Amino acid sequence: MIFGTGDFVPEKELARRGGLTLDARPHTSRPGVFAAGGVLAPGQRAEAATRNGTLAAGAVLEWLAGAEWPQEAGA
C-alpha cells in the first residue's frame, strides 16, 4: 500500500482556516485559544519547542487564574 502526502495541511494553515490570527506569542486572536509548537514556528528544534511550550503553559495558567486576554493578541 502506498501513502502520499498530498493531503497534508500545515498547522499554521489549519489555524488560519479556523479563523485564528497568530503572532509569535501563545495568545491567538480568540480568547482562551492558545498556540504553541509547529503552529507558531514550523520546524523548530526540540530545545526551542520546549521553551515555546513552557511559555504557552504559563499563559494558560495566567488565563485560568483570571488574567485579561491581551488586546493585541494575534494581531
Protein backbone atom coordinates (compact mmCIF):
# COMPACT_ATOMS: atom_id res chain seq x y z
CA MET A 1 0.00 0.00 0.00
CA ILE A 2 1.33 3.45 -0.91
CA PHE A 3 0.54 6.52 1.13
CA GLY A 4 1.01 10.01 -0.26
CA THR A 5 1.38 13.31 1.48
CA GLY A 6 -0.90 15.21 -0.84
CA ASP A 7 -3.49 15.85 1.89
CA PHE A 8 -1.02 17.33 4.39
CA VAL A 9 -2.09 20.72 5.72
CA PRO A 10 0.43 22.60 7.90
CA GLU A 11 -0.70 23.54 11.43
CA LYS A 12 -0.47 27.26 10.68
CA GLU A 13 -2.82 26.82 7.72
CA LEU A 14 -5.29 24.85 9.85
CA ALA A 15 -5.31 27.68 12.39
CA ARG A 16 -5.93 30.21 9.61
CA ARG A 17 -8.77 28.12 8.21
CA GLY A 18 -10.24 28.03 11.71
CA GLY A 19 -10.34 31.82 11.78
CA LEU A 20 -7.41 32.31 14.15
CA THR A 21 -4.86 35.06 13.79
CA LEU A 22 -1.40 34.16 15.12
CA ASP A 23 1.75 36.01 16.02
CA ALA A 24 4.87 34.88 17.88
CA ARG A 25 3.11 34.64 21.24
CA PRO A 26 0.97 31.83 22.65
CA HIS A 27 -2.17 34.00 22.61
CA THR A 28 -4.30 33.87 19.47
CA SER A 29 -7.00 36.23 18.25
CA ARG A 30 -9.61 34.12 20.09
CA PRO A 31 -9.60 34.40 23.90
CA GLY A 32 -8.92 31.06 25.56
CA VAL A 33 -7.27 29.55 22.47
CA PHE A 34 -3.50 29.22 22.72
CA ALA A 35 -0.88 28.27 20.16
CA ALA A 36 2.48 26.55 20.59
CA GLY A 37 4.97 24.41 18.73
CA GLY A 38 4.75 23.97 14.99
CA VAL A 39 1.81 26.31 14.58
CA LEU A 40 4.00 29.24 15.68
CA ALA A 41 7.40 28.14 14.43
CA PRO A 42 7.37 25.24 11.99
CA GLY A 43 10.50 23.11 12.06
CA GLN A 44 11.82 24.41 15.34
CA ARG A 45 14.37 22.33 17.26
CA ALA A 46 13.45 20.40 20.40
CA GLU A 47 15.01 22.96 22.76
CA ALA A 48 13.08 25.81 21.17
CA ALA A 49 9.87 23.76 21.19
CA THR A 50 10.32 23.09 24.90
CA ARG A 51 10.78 26.79 25.66
CA ASN A 52 7.79 27.59 23.46
CA GLY A 53 5.63 25.04 25.29
CA THR A 54 6.72 26.43 28.65
CA LEU A 55 5.67 29.95 27.61
CA ALA A 56 2.31 28.63 26.41
CA ALA A 57 1.77 26.73 29.67
CA GLY A 58 2.48 29.90 31.65
CA ALA A 59 -0.02 31.84 29.54
CA VAL A 60 -2.65 29.14 30.11
CA LEU A 61 -2.08 29.23 33.89
CA GLU A 62 -2.40 33.03 33.90
CA TRP A 63 -5.64 32.79 31.87
CA LEU A 64 -7.08 30.18 34.25
CA ALA A 65 -6.17 32.44 37.19
CA GLY A 66 -8.27 35.23 35.67
CA ALA A 67 -5.78 37.30 33.68
CA GLU A 68 -7.19 39.53 30.94
CA TRP A 69 -6.68 38.47 27.34
CA PRO A 70 -4.18 40.78 25.60
CA GLN A 71 -6.00 43.25 23.32
CA GLU A 72 -3.34 42.93 20.62
CA ALA A 73 -3.20 39.10 20.77
CA GLY A 74 -2.92 37.56 17.35
CA ALA A 75 -2.61 40.96 15.71
